[in-house]
Amino acid sequence: MNDSEKLLKEMGQRIVELRKQKGLTQDELSEMASVTSQMISYAELGKKAIRPENLCKLSKALGVSSDYLLTGELIDKDYLLLQDKLQILPTDKIKHIEDIIDSCIKLTK
């Protein structure tokens, strides 16, 4: 497997993971991203490269940066998207999220 094929396969795995985390079918994600369900299927299988405009649509629908889909690395935009989600929550729920984050940090030590 060459580098390009590996990149497509890894990106496909990230798309599947994010889609499933959001409880979406391929059809639902394709509607949200205004792309075909066939494109989603090919992308998840790592069979075809995604056109830049579709990568942007897909990353927006999944709530992550295009960089994350491509590389798996979080960038500032990903943290800002998380911050936007936190600002929607009522104050009492923020403490629960903080506790979860603290527990996760402890698990990584």
PDB file of N, CA and C in Angstrom:
ATOM      1  N   MET A   1       0.855  -1.184   0.000  1.00  0.00           N
ATOM      2  CA  MET A   1       0.000   0.000   0.000  1.00  0.00           C
ATOM      3  C   MET A   1       0.898   1.243   0.000  1.00  0.00           C
ATOM      4  N   ASN A   2       0.671   2.131  -0.973  1.00  0.00           N
ATOM      5  CA  ASN A   2       1.485   3.347  -1.030  1.00  0.00           C
ATOM      6  C   ASN A   2       0.944   4.400  -0.060  1.00  0.00           C
ATOM      7  N   ASP A   3       1.670   5.500   0.056  1.00  0.00           N
ATOM      8  CA  ASP A   3       1.298   6.552   1.023  1.00  0.00           C
ATOM      9  C   ASP A   3      -0.078   7.141   0.742  1.00  0.00           C
ATOM     10  N   SER A   4      -0.386   7.336  -0.523  1.00  0.00           N
ATOM     11  CA  SER A   4      -1.672   7.914  -0.894  1.00  0.00           C
ATOM     12  C   SER A   4      -2.823   6.993  -0.491  1.00  0.00           C
ATOM     13  N   GLU A   5      -2.667   5.718  -0.764  1.00  0.00           N
ATOM     14  CA  GLU A   5      -3.698   4.744  -0.402  1.00  0.00           C
ATOM     15  C   GLU A   5      -3.871   4.664   1.115  1.00  0.00           C
ATOM     16  N   LYS A   6      -2.758   4.728   1.826  1.00  0.00           N
ATOM     17  CA  LYS A   6      -2.799   4.697   3.293  1.00  0.00           C
ATOM     18  C   LYS A   6      -3.538   5.919   3.842  1.00  0.00           C
ATOM     19  N   LEU A   7      -3.236   7.087   3.285  1.00  0.00           N
ATOM     20  CA  LEU A   7      -3.896   8.323   3.707  1.00  0.00           C
ATOM     21  C   LEU A   7      -5.399   8.232   3.491  1.00  0.00           C
ATOM     22  N   LEU A   8      -5.817   7.755   2.316  1.00  0.00           N
ATOM     23  CA  LEU A   8      -7.247   7.633   2.015  1.00  0.00           C
ATOM     24  C   LEU A   8      -7.922   6.648   2.963  1.00  0.00           C
ATOM     25  N   LYS A   9      -7.265   5.545   3.256  1.00  0.00           N
ATOM     26  CA  LYS A   9      -7.826   4.526   4.145  1.00  0.00           C
ATOM     27  C   LYS A   9      -7.997   5.088   5.564  1.00  0.00           C
ATOM     28  N   GLU A  10      -6.980   5.780   6.063  1.00  0.00           N
ATOM     29  CA  GLU A  10      -7.042   6.364   7.404  1.00  0.00           C
ATOM     30  C   GLU A  10      -8.106   7.452   7.488  1.00  0.00           C
ATOM     31  N   MET A  11      -8.202   8.275   6.443  1.00  0.00           N
ATOM     32  CA  MET A  11      -9.219   9.318   6.421  1.00  0.00           C
ATOM     33  C   MET A  11     -10.605   8.675   6.419  1.00  0.00           C
ATOM     34  N   GLY A  12     -10.765   7.619   5.653  1.00  0.00           N
ATOM     35  CA  GLY A  12     -12.038   6.909   5.616  1.00  0.00           C
ATOM     36  C   GLY A  12     -12.433   6.380   6.981  1.00  0.00           C
ATOM     37  N   GLN A  13     -11.457   5.864   7.713  1.00  0.00           N
ATOM     38  CA  GLN A  13     -11.731   5.350   9.059  1.00  0.00           C
ATOM     39  C   GLN A  13     -12.179   6.471   9.992  1.00  0.00           C
ATOM     40  N   ARG A  14     -11.569   7.645   9.852  1.00  0.00           N
ATOM     41  CA  ARG A  14     -11.979   8.792  10.687  1.00  0.00           C
ATOM     42  C   ARG A  14     -13.406   9.225  10.348  1.00  0.00           C
ATOM     43  N   ILE A  15     -13.742   9.204   9.071  1.00  0.00           N
ATOM     44  CA  ILE A  15     -15.096   9.590   8.655  1.00  0.00           C
ATOM     45  C   ILE A  15     -16.119   8.618   9.237  1.00  0.00           C
ATOM     46  N   VAL A  16     -15.843   7.325   9.134  1.00  0.00           N
ATOM     47  CA  VAL A  16     -16.754   6.308   9.687  1.00  0.00           C
ATOM     48  C   VAL A  16     -16.930   6.518  11.188  1.00  0.00           C
ATOM     49  N   GLU A  17     -15.813   6.706  11.877  1.00  0.00           N
ATOM     50  CA  GLU A  17     -15.854   6.877  13.334  1.00  0.00           C
ATOM     51  C   GLU A  17     -16.695   8.089  13.730  1.00  0.00           C
ATOM     52  N   LEU A  18     -16.462   9.215  13.074  1.00  0.00           N
ATOM     53  CA  LEU A  18     -17.215  10.433  13.393  1.00  0.00           C
ATOM     54  C   LEU A  18     -18.691  10.283  13.048  1.00  0.00           C
ATOM     55  N   ARG A  19     -18.965   9.673  11.909  1.00  0.00           N
ATOM     56  CA  ARG A  19     -20.364   9.481  11.493  1.00  0.00           C
ATOM     57  C   ARG A  19     -21.103   8.625  12.505  1.00  0.00           C
ATOM     58  N   LYS A  20     -20.459   7.546  12.946  1.00  0.00           N
ATOM     59  CA  LYS A  20     -21.097   6.655  13.917  1.00  0.00           C
ATOM     60  C   LYS A  20     -21.250   7.325  15.285  1.00  0.00           C
ATOM     61  N   GLN A  21     -20.269   8.130  15.682  1.00  0.00           N
ATOM     62  CA  GLN A  21     -20.376   8.870  16.945  1.00  0.00           C
ATOM     63  C   GLN A  21     -21.590   9.783  16.935  1.00  0.00           C
ATOM     64  N   LYS A  22     -21.902  10.322  15.782  1.00  0.00           N
ATOM     65  CA  LYS A  22     -23.051  11.221  15.651  1.00  0.00           C
ATOM     66  C   LYS A  22     -24.349  10.460  15.387  1.00  0.00           C
ATOM     67  N   GLY A  23     -24.250   9.136  15.279  1.00  0.00           N
ATOM     68  CA  GLY A  23     -25.440   8.314  15.062  1.00  0.00           C
ATOM     69  C   GLY A  23     -26.068   8.511  13.696  1.00  0.00           C
ATOM     70  N   LEU A  24     -25.240   8.777  12.706  1.00  0.00           N
ATOM     71  CA  LEU A  24     -25.745   9.049  11.358  1.00  0.00           C
ATOM     72  C   LEU A  24     -25.533   7.864  10.427  1.00  0.00           C
ATOM     73  N   THR A  25     -26.446   7.696   9.493  1.00  0.00           N
ATOM     74  CA  THR A  25     -26.242   6.751   8.403  1.00  0.00           C
ATOM     75  C   THR A  25     -25.460   7.476   7.308  1.00  0.00           C
ATOM     76  N   GLN A  26     -24.981   6.720   6.334  1.00  0.00           N
ATOM     77  CA  GLN A  26     -24.296   7.350   5.207  1.00  0.00           C
ATOM     78  C   GLN A  26     -25.245   8.285   4.460  1.00  0.00           C
ATOM     79  N   ASP A  27     -26.489   7.862   4.318  1.00  0.00           N
ATOM     80  CA  ASP A  27     -27.474   8.709   3.625  1.00  0.00           C
ATOM     81  C   ASP A  27     -27.713  10.013   4.369  1.00  0.00           C
ATOM     82  N   GLU A  28     -27.834   9.934   5.692  1.00  0.00           N
ATOM     83  CA  GLU A  28     -28.065  11.147   6.490  1.00  0.00           C
ATOM     84  C   GLU A  28     -26.877  12.096   6.391  1.00  0.00           C
ATOM     85  N   LEU A  29     -25.665  11.542   6.467  1.00  0.00           N
ATOM     86  CA  LEU A  29     -24.470  12.380   6.347  1.00  0.00           C
ATOM     87  C   LEU A  29     -24.389  12.996   4.955  1.00  0.00           C
ATOM     88  N   SER A  30     -24.711  12.218   3.946  1.00  0.00           N
ATOM     89  CA  SER A  30     -24.649  12.762   2.580  1.00  0.00           C
ATOM     90  C   SER A  30     -25.625  13.924   2.413  1.00  0.00           C
ATOM     91  N   GLU A  31     -26.803  13.828   3.013  1.00  0.00           N
ATOM     92  CA  GLU A  31     -27.768  14.933   2.957  1.00  0.00           C
ATOM     93  C   GLU A  31     -27.239  16.162   3.681  1.00  0.00           C
ATOM     94  N   MET A  32     -26.671  15.951   4.871  1.00  0.00           N
ATOM     95  CA  MET A  32     -26.135  17.076   5.644  1.00  0.00           C
ATOM     96  C   MET A  32     -25.006  17.790   4.901  1.00  0.00           C
ATOM     97  N   ALA A  33     -24.199  17.016   4.181  1.00  0.00           N
ATOM     98  CA  ALA A  33     -23.039  17.577   3.499  1.00  0.00           C
ATOM     99  C   ALA A  33     -23.327  17.957   2.049  1.00  0.00           C
ATOM    100  N   SER A  34     -24.549  17.694   1.587  1.00  0.00           N
ATOM    101  CA  SER A  34     -24.930  17.983   0.193  1.00  0.00           C
ATOM    102  C   SER A  34     -23.991  17.299  -0.803  1.00  0.00           C
ATOM    103  N   VAL A  35     -23.731  16.013  -0.527  1.00  0.00           N
ATOM    104  CA  VAL A  35     -22.944  15.176  -1.434  1.00  0.00           C
ATOM    105  C   VAL A  35     -23.719  13.881  -1.642  1.00  0.00           C
ATOM    106  N   THR A  36     -23.255  13.041  -2.536  1.00  0.00           N
ATOM    107  CA  THR A  36     -23.955  11.788  -2.777  1.00  0.00           C
ATOM    108  C   THR A  36     -23.579  10.751  -1.720  1.00  0.00           C
ATOM    109  N   SER A  37     -24.482   9.825  -1.480  1.00  0.00           N
ATOM    110  CA  SER A  37     -24.173   8.748  -0.536  1.00  0.00           C
ATOM    111  C   SER A  37     -23.073   7.858  -1.105  1.00  0.00           C
ATOM    112  N   GLN A  38     -22.968   7.783  -2.432  1.00  0.00           N
ATOM    113  CA  GLN A  38     -21.896   7.014  -3.058  1.00  0.00           C
ATOM    114  C   GLN A  38     -20.535   7.634  -2.723  1.00  0.00           C
ATOM    115  N   MET A  39     -20.457   8.976  -2.706  1.00  0.00           N
ATOM    116  CA  MET A  39     -19.209   9.646  -2.348  1.00  0.00           C
ATOM    117  C   MET A  39     -18.821   9.313  -0.913  1.00  0.00           C
ATOM    118  N   ILE A  40     -19.816   9.303  -0.019  1.00  0.00           N
ATOM    119  CA  ILE A  40     -19.552   8.953   1.382  1.00  0.00           C
ATOM    120  C   ILE A  40     -19.022   7.521   1.459  1.00  0.00           C
ATOM    121  N   SER A  41     -19.660   6.621   0.753  1.00  0.00           N
ATOM    122  CA  SER A  41     -19.243   5.219   0.764  1.00  0.00           C
ATOM    123  C   SER A  41     -17.811   5.065   0.263  1.00  0.00           C
ATOM    124  N   TYR A  42     -17.502   5.673  -0.881  1.00  0.00           N
ATOM    125  CA  TYR A  42     -16.143   5.594  -1.423  1.00  0.00           C
ATOM    126  C   TYR A  42     -15.128   6.207  -0.467  1.00  0.00           C
ATOM    127  N   ALA A  43     -15.492   7.341   0.140  1.00  0.00           N
ATOM    128  CA  ALA A  43     -14.580   8.012   1.072  1.00  0.00           C
ATOM    129  C   ALA A  43     -14.313   7.130   2.290  1.00  0.00           C
ATOM    130  N   GLU A  44     -15.368   6.530   2.833  1.00  0.00           N
ATOM    131  CA  GLU A  44     -15.202   5.692   4.019  1.00  0.00           C
ATOM    132  C   GLU A  44     -14.367   4.443   3.722  1.00  0.00           C
ATOM    133  N   LEU A  45     -14.477   3.945   2.520  1.00  0.00           N
ATOM    134  CA  LEU A  45     -13.693   2.765   2.132  1.00  0.00           C
ATOM    135  C   LEU A  45     -12.275   3.138   1.702  1.00  0.00           C
ATOM    136  N   GLY A  46     -12.019   4.424   1.544  1.00  0.00           N
ATOM    137  CA  GLY A  46     -10.706   4.879   1.112  1.00  0.00           C
ATOM    138  C   GLY A  46     -10.427   4.543  -0.338  1.00  0.00           C
ATOM    139  N   LYS A  47     -11.482   4.460  -1.129  1.00  0.00           N
ATOM    140  CA  LYS A  47     -11.334   4.051  -2.538  1.00  0.00           C
ATOM    141  C   LYS A  47     -11.073   5.214  -3.483  1.00  0.00           C
ATOM    142  N   LYS A  48     -11.545   6.392  -3.132  1.00  0.00           N
ATOM    143  CA  LYS A  48     -11.377   7.550  -4.008  1.00  0.00           C
ATOM    144  C   LYS A  48     -11.015   8.774  -3.174  1.00  0.00           C
ATOM    145  N   ALA A  49     -10.215   9.637  -3.768  1.00  0.00           N
ATOM    146  CA  ALA A  49      -9.903  10.904  -3.116  1.00  0.00           C
ATOM    147  C   ALA A  49     -11.149  11.789  -3.142  1.00  0.00           C
ATOM    148  N   ILE A  50     -11.258  12.642  -2.149  1.00  0.00           N
ATOM    149  CA  ILE A  50     -12.398  13.549  -2.046  1.00  0.00           C
ATOM    150  C   ILE A  50     -12.005  14.895  -2.644  1.00  0.00           C
ATOM    151  N   ARG A  51     -12.860  15.433  -3.482  1.00  0.00           N
ATOM    152  CA  ARG A  51     -12.607  16.755  -4.042  1.00  0.00           C
ATOM    153  C   ARG A  51     -12.584  17.779  -2.901  1.00  0.00           C
ATOM    154  N   PRO A  52     -11.737  18.810  -3.032  1.00  0.00           N
ATOM    155  CA  PRO A  52     -11.597  19.791  -1.941  1.00  0.00           C
ATOM    156  C   PRO A  52     -12.916  20.394  -1.463  1.00  0.00           C
ATOM    157  N   GLU A  53     -13.804  20.740  -2.395  1.00  0.00           N
ATOM    158  CA  GLU A  53     -15.065  21.346  -1.976  1.00  0.00           C
ATOM    159  C   GLU A  53     -15.927  20.352  -1.192  1.00  0.00           C
ATOM    160  N   ASN A  54     -15.843  19.071  -1.537  1.00  0.00           N
ATOM    161  CA  ASN A  54     -16.602  18.057  -0.801  1.00  0.00           C
ATOM    162  C   ASN A  54     -15.972  17.757   0.549  1.00  0.00           C
ATOM    163  N   LEU A  55     -14.646  17.847   0.622  1.00  0.00           N
ATOM    164  CA  LEU A  55     -13.962  17.673   1.904  1.00  0.00           C
ATOM    165  C   LEU A  55     -14.408  18.769   2.881  1.00  0.00           C
ATOM    166  N   CYS A  56     -14.530  19.993   2.380  1.00  0.00           N
ATOM    167  CA  CYS A  56     -14.989  21.107   3.222  1.00  0.00           C
ATOM    168  C   CYS A  56     -16.422  20.873   3.703  1.00  0.00           C
ATOM    169  N   LYS A  57     -17.285  20.439   2.799  1.00  0.00           N
ATOM    170  CA  LYS A  57     -18.684  20.170   3.168  1.00  0.00           C
ATOM    171  C   LYS A  57     -18.770  19.047   4.199  1.00  0.00           C
ATOM    172  N   LEU A  58     -17.982  18.006   3.984  1.00  0.00           N
ATOM    173  CA  LEU A  58     -18.001  16.851   4.873  1.00  0.00           C
ATOM    174  C   LEU A  58     -17.475  17.210   6.254  1.00  0.00           C
ATOM    175  N   SER A  59     -16.391  17.963   6.314  1.00  0.00           N
ATOM    176  CA  SER A  59     -15.828  18.343   7.612  1.00  0.00           C
ATOM    177  C   SER A  59     -16.808  19.230   8.382  1.00  0.00           C
ATOM    178  N   LYS A  60     -17.501  20.110   7.675  1.00  0.00           N
ATOM    179  CA  LYS A  60     -18.493  20.974   8.332  1.00  0.00           C
ATOM    180  C   LYS A  60     -19.648  20.137   8.882  1.00  0.00           C
ATOM    181  N   ALA A  61     -20.123  19.181   8.087  1.00  0.00           N
ATOM    182  CA  ALA A  61     -21.231  18.326   8.529  1.00  0.00           C
ATOM    183  C   ALA A  61     -20.836  17.476   9.733  1.00  0.00           C
ATOM    184  N   LEU A  62     -19.559  17.088   9.803  1.00  0.00           N
ATOM    185  CA  LEU A  62     -19.091  16.255  10.915  1.00  0.00           C
ATOM    186  C   LEU A  62     -18.602  17.086  12.105  1.00  0.00           C
ATOM    187  N   GLY A  63     -18.505  18.395  11.925  1.00  0.00           N
ATOM    188  CA  GLY A  63     -18.109  19.279  13.024  1.00  0.00           C
ATOM    189  C   GLY A  63     -16.639  19.210  13.376  1.00  0.00           C
ATOM    190  N   VAL A  64     -15.804  18.968  12.370  1.00  0.00           N
ATOM    191  CA  VAL A  64     -14.350  18.939  12.573  1.00  0.00           C
ATOM    192  C   VAL A  64     -13.691  19.722  11.443  1.00  0.00           C
ATOM    193  N   SER A  65     -12.401  19.970  11.578  1.00  0.00           N
ATOM    194  CA  SER A  65     -11.670  20.652  10.516  1.00  0.00           C
ATOM    195  C   SER A  65     -11.338  19.671   9.398  1.00  0.00           C
ATOM    196  N   SER A  66     -11.104  20.211   8.228  1.00  0.00           N
ATOM    197  CA  SER A  66     -10.638  19.385   7.106  1.00  0.00           C
ATOM    198  C   SER A  66      -9.282  18.770   7.442  1.00  0.00           C
ATOM    199  N   ASP A  67      -8.467  19.525   8.168  1.00  0.00           N
ATOM    200  CA  ASP A  67      -7.160  19.004   8.591  1.00  0.00           C
ATOM    201  C   ASP A  67      -7.326  17.726   9.405  1.00  0.00           C
ATOM    202  N   TYR A  68      -8.315  17.713  10.302  1.00  0.00           N
ATOM    203  CA  TYR A  68      -8.517  16.519  11.123  1.00  0.00           C
ATOM    204  C   TYR A  68      -8.895  15.327  10.245  1.00  0.00           C
ATOM    205  N   LEU A  69      -9.777  15.535   9.284  1.00  0.00           N
ATOM    206  CA  LEU A  69     -10.150  14.431   8.400  1.00  0.00           C
ATOM    207  C   LEU A  69      -8.940  13.928   7.621  1.00  0.00           C
ATOM    208  N   LEU A  70      -8.112  14.853   7.146  1.00  0.00           N
ATOM    209  CA  LEU A  70      -6.954  14.474   6.341  1.00  0.00           C
ATOM    210  C   LEU A  70      -5.842  13.814   7.152  1.00  0.00           C
ATOM    211  N   THR A  71      -5.544  14.367   8.319  1.00  0.00           N
ATOM    212  CA  THR A  71      -4.353  13.937   9.055  1.00  0.00           C
ATOM    213  C   THR A  71      -4.638  13.258  10.390  1.00  0.00           C
ATOM    214  N   GLY A  72      -5.807  13.503  10.937  1.00  0.00           N
ATOM    215  CA  GLY A  72      -6.106  12.976  12.265  1.00  0.00           C
ATOM    216  C   GLY A  72      -5.579  13.854  13.380  1.00  0.00           C
ATOM    217  N   GLU A  73      -4.970  14.984  13.009  1.00  0.00           N
ATOM    218  CA  GLU A  73      -4.426  15.903  14.004  1.00  0.00           C
ATOM    219  C   GLU A  73      -5.401  17.048  14.246  1.00  0.00           C
ATOM    220  N   LEU A  74      -5.575  17.390  15.516  1.00  0.00           N
ATOM    221  CA  LEU A  74      -6.447  18.509  15.874  1.00  0.00           C
ATOM    222  C   LEU A  74      -5.703  19.819  15.686  1.00  0.00           C
ATOM    223  N   ILE A  75      -6.401  20.806  15.169  1.00  0.00           N
ATOM    224  CA  ILE A  75      -5.829  22.146  15.026  1.00  0.00           C
ATOM    225  C   ILE A  75      -6.689  23.112  15.828  1.00  0.00           C
ATOM    226  N   ASP A  76      -6.288  24.361  15.864  1.00  0.00           N
ATOM    227  CA  ASP A  76      -7.025  25.367  16.648  1.00  0.00           C
ATOM    228  C   ASP A  76      -8.511  25.395  16.304  1.00  0.00           C
ATOM    229  N   LYS A  77      -8.850  25.243  15.036  1.00  0.00           N
ATOM    230  CA  LYS A  77     -10.252  25.280  14.628  1.00  0.00           C
ATOM    231  C   LYS A  77     -11.063  24.190  15.328  1.00  0.00           C
ATOM    232  N   ASP A  78     -10.462  23.006  15.514  1.00  0.00           N
ATOM    233  CA  ASP A  78     -11.173  21.922  16.190  1.00  0.00           C
ATOM    234  C   ASP A  78     -11.489  22.294  17.638  1.00  0.00           C
ATOM    235  N   TYR A  79     -10.552  22.957  18.290  1.00  0.00           N
ATOM    236  CA  TYR A  79     -10.785  23.378  19.673  1.00  0.00           C
ATOM    237  C   TYR A  79     -11.836  24.489  19.739  1.00  0.00           C
ATOM    238  N   LEU A  80     -11.849  25.354  18.732  1.00  0.00           N
ATOM    239  CA  LEU A  80     -12.865  26.408  18.683  1.00  0.00           C
ATOM    240  C   LEU A  80     -14.256  25.817  18.451  1.00  0.00           C
ATOM    241  N   LEU A  81     -14.339  24.772  17.629  1.00  0.00           N
ATOM    242  CA  LEU A  81     -15.626  24.109  17.414  1.00  0.00           C
ATOM    243  C   LEU A  81     -16.129  23.494  18.722  1.00  0.00           C
ATOM    244  N   LEU A  82     -15.218  22.921  19.490  1.00  0.00           N
ATOM    245  CA  LEU A  82     -15.581  22.359  20.788  1.00  0.00           C
ATOM    246  C   LEU A  82     -16.029  23.472  21.741  1.00  0.00           C
ATOM    247  N   GLN A  83     -15.323  24.570  21.719  1.00  0.00           N
ATOM    248  CA  GLN A  83     -15.691  25.710  22.565  1.00  0.00           C
ATOM    249  C   GLN A  83     -17.092  26.207  22.219  1.00  0.00           C
ATOM    250  N   ASP A  84     -17.410  26.264  20.933  1.00  0.00           N
ATOM    251  CA  ASP A  84     -18.752  26.693  20.510  1.00  0.00           C
ATOM    252  C   ASP A  84     -19.822  25.760  21.072  1.00  0.00           C
ATOM    253  N   LYS A  85     -19.544  24.470  21.075  1.00  0.00           N
ATOM    254  CA  LYS A  85     -20.500  23.503  21.617  1.00  0.00           C
ATOM    255  C   LYS A  85     -20.666  23.686  23.123  1.00  0.00           C
ATOM    256  N   LEU A  86     -19.571  23.947  23.818  1.00  0.00           N
ATOM    257  CA  LEU A  86     -19.642  24.138  25.262  1.00  0.00           C
ATOM    258  C   LEU A  86     -20.453  25.377  25.628  1.00  0.00           C
ATOM    259  N   GLN A  87     -20.373  26.405  24.816  1.00  0.00           N
ATOM    260  CA  GLN A  87     -21.091  27.647  25.110  1.00  0.00           C
ATOM    261  C   GLN A  87     -22.601  27.485  25.007  1.00  0.00           C
ATOM    262  N   ILE A  88     -23.047  26.462  24.326  1.00  0.00           N
ATOM    263  CA  ILE A  88     -24.479  26.201  24.194  1.00  0.00           C
ATOM    264  C   ILE A  88     -25.043  25.559  25.463  1.00  0.00           C
ATOM    265  N   LEU A  89     -24.179  24.848  26.192  1.00  0.00           N
ATOM    266  CA  LEU A  89     -24.638  24.105  27.367  1.00  0.00           C
ATOM    267  C   LEU A  89     -24.986  25.021  28.530  1.00  0.00           C
ATOM    268  N   PRO A  90     -25.967  24.602  29.349  1.00  0.00           N
ATOM    269  CA  PRO A  90     -26.238  25.343  30.587  1.00  0.00           C
ATOM    270  C   PRO A  90     -25.040  25.220  31.536  1.00  0.00           C
ATOM    271  N   THR A  91     -24.857  26.201  32.368  1.00  0.00           N
ATOM    272  CA  THR A  91     -23.704  26.258  33.264  1.00  0.00           C
ATOM    273  C   THR A  91     -23.546  25.000  34.106  1.00  0.00           C
ATOM    274  N   ASP A  92     -24.648  24.444  34.604  1.00  0.00           N
ATOM    275  CA  ASP A  92     -24.541  23.261  35.464  1.00  0.00           C
ATOM    276  C   ASP A  92     -24.000  22.033  34.709  1.00  0.00           C
ATOM    277  N   LYS A  93     -24.170  21.997  33.408  1.00  0.00           N
ATOM    278  CA  LYS A  93     -23.665  20.872  32.605  1.00  0.00           C
ATOM    279  C   LYS A  93     -22.169  21.004  32.340  1.00  0.00           C
ATOM    280  N   ILE A  94     -21.660  22.225  32.346  1.00  0.00           N
ATOM    281  CA  ILE A  94     -20.239  22.458  32.105  1.00  0.00           C
ATOM    282  C   ILE A  94     -19.402  21.741  33.160  1.00  0.00           C
ATOM    283  N   LYS A  95     -19.843  21.748  34.392  1.00  0.00           N
ATOM    284  CA  LYS A  95     -19.103  21.064  35.466  1.00  0.00           C
ATOM    285  C   LYS A  95     -19.010  19.567  35.177  1.00  0.00           C
ATOM    286  N   HIS A  96     -20.073  18.981  34.652  1.00  0.00           N
ATOM    287  CA  HIS A  96     -20.041  17.553  34.311  1.00  0.00           C
ATOM    288  C   HIS A  96     -19.007  17.291  33.216  1.00  0.00           C
ATOM    289  N   ILE A  97     -18.976  18.154  32.226  1.00  0.00           N
ATOM    290  CA  ILE A  97     -18.020  18.012  31.128  1.00  0.00           C
ATOM    291  C   ILE A  97     -16.595  18.150  31.674  1.00  0.00           C
ATOM    292  N   GLU A  98     -16.388  19.099  32.553  1.00  0.00           N
ATOM    293  CA  GLU A  98     -15.066  19.293  33.150  1.00  0.00           C
ATOM    294  C   GLU A  98     -14.641  18.049  33.919  1.00  0.00           C
ATOM    295  N   ASP A  99     -15.567  17.449  34.658  1.00  0.00           N
ATOM    296  CA  ASP A  99     -15.254  16.218  35.397  1.00  0.00           C
ATOM    297  C   ASP A  99     -14.874  15.076  34.449  1.00  0.00           C
ATOM    298  N   ILE A 100     -15.583  14.979  33.343  1.00  0.00           N
ATOM    299  CA  ILE A 100     -15.274  13.944  32.350  1.00  0.00           C
ATOM    300  C   ILE A 100     -13.880  14.165  31.773  1.00  0.00           C
ATOM    301  N   ILE A 101     -13.568  15.407  31.434  1.00  0.00           N
ATOM    302  CA  ILE A 101     -12.246  15.726  30.888  1.00  0.00           C
ATOM    303  C   ILE A 101     -11.156  15.400  31.906  1.00  0.00           C
ATOM    304  N   ASP A 102     -11.382  15.783  33.170  1.00  0.00           N
ATOM    305  CA  ASP A 102     -10.394  15.481  34.211  1.00  0.00           C
ATOM    306  C   ASP A 102     -10.184  13.975  34.355  1.00  0.00           C
ATOM    307  N   SER A 103     -11.259  13.195  34.276  1.00  0.00           N
ATOM    308  CA  SER A 103     -11.149  11.735  34.354  1.00  0.00           C
ATOM    309  C   SER A 103     -10.357  11.181  33.178  1.00  0.00           C
ATOM    310  N   CYS A 104     -10.593  11.711  32.004  1.00  0.00           N
ATOM    311  CA  CYS A 104      -9.850  11.266  30.825  1.00  0.00           C
ATOM    312  C   CYS A 104      -8.368  11.588  30.952  1.00  0.00           C
ATOM    313  N   ILE A 105      -8.063  12.763  31.462  1.00  0.00           N
ATOM    314  CA  ILE A 105      -6.663  13.156  31.668  1.00  0.00           C
ATOM    315  C   ILE A 105      -5.976  12.200  32.635  1.00  0.00           C
ATOM    316  N   LYS A 106      -6.659  11.846  33.711  1.00  0.00           N
ATOM    317  CA  LYS A 106      -6.091  10.907  34.685  1.00  0.00           C
ATOM    318  C   LYS A 106      -5.808   9.547  34.048  1.00  0.00           C
ATOM    319  N   LEU A 107      -6.666   9.129  33.121  1.00  0.00           N
ATOM    320  CA  LEU A 107      -6.475   7.835  32.453  1.00  0.00           C
ATOM    321  C   LEU A 107      -5.230   7.823  31.551  1.00  0.00           C
ATOM    322  N   THR A 108      -4.834   8.987  31.075  1.00  0.00           N
ATOM    323  CA  THR A 108      -3.680   9.054  30.174  1.00  0.00           C
ATOM    324  C   THR A 108      -2.352   9.167  30.909  1.00  0.00           C
ATOM    325  N   LYS A 109      -2.407   9.332  32.206  1.00  0.00           N
ATOM    326  CA  LYS A 109      -1.153   9.476  32.976  1.00  0.00           C
ATOM    327  C   LYS A 109      -0.602   8.132  33.378  1.00  0.00           C
TER     328      LYS A 109
END
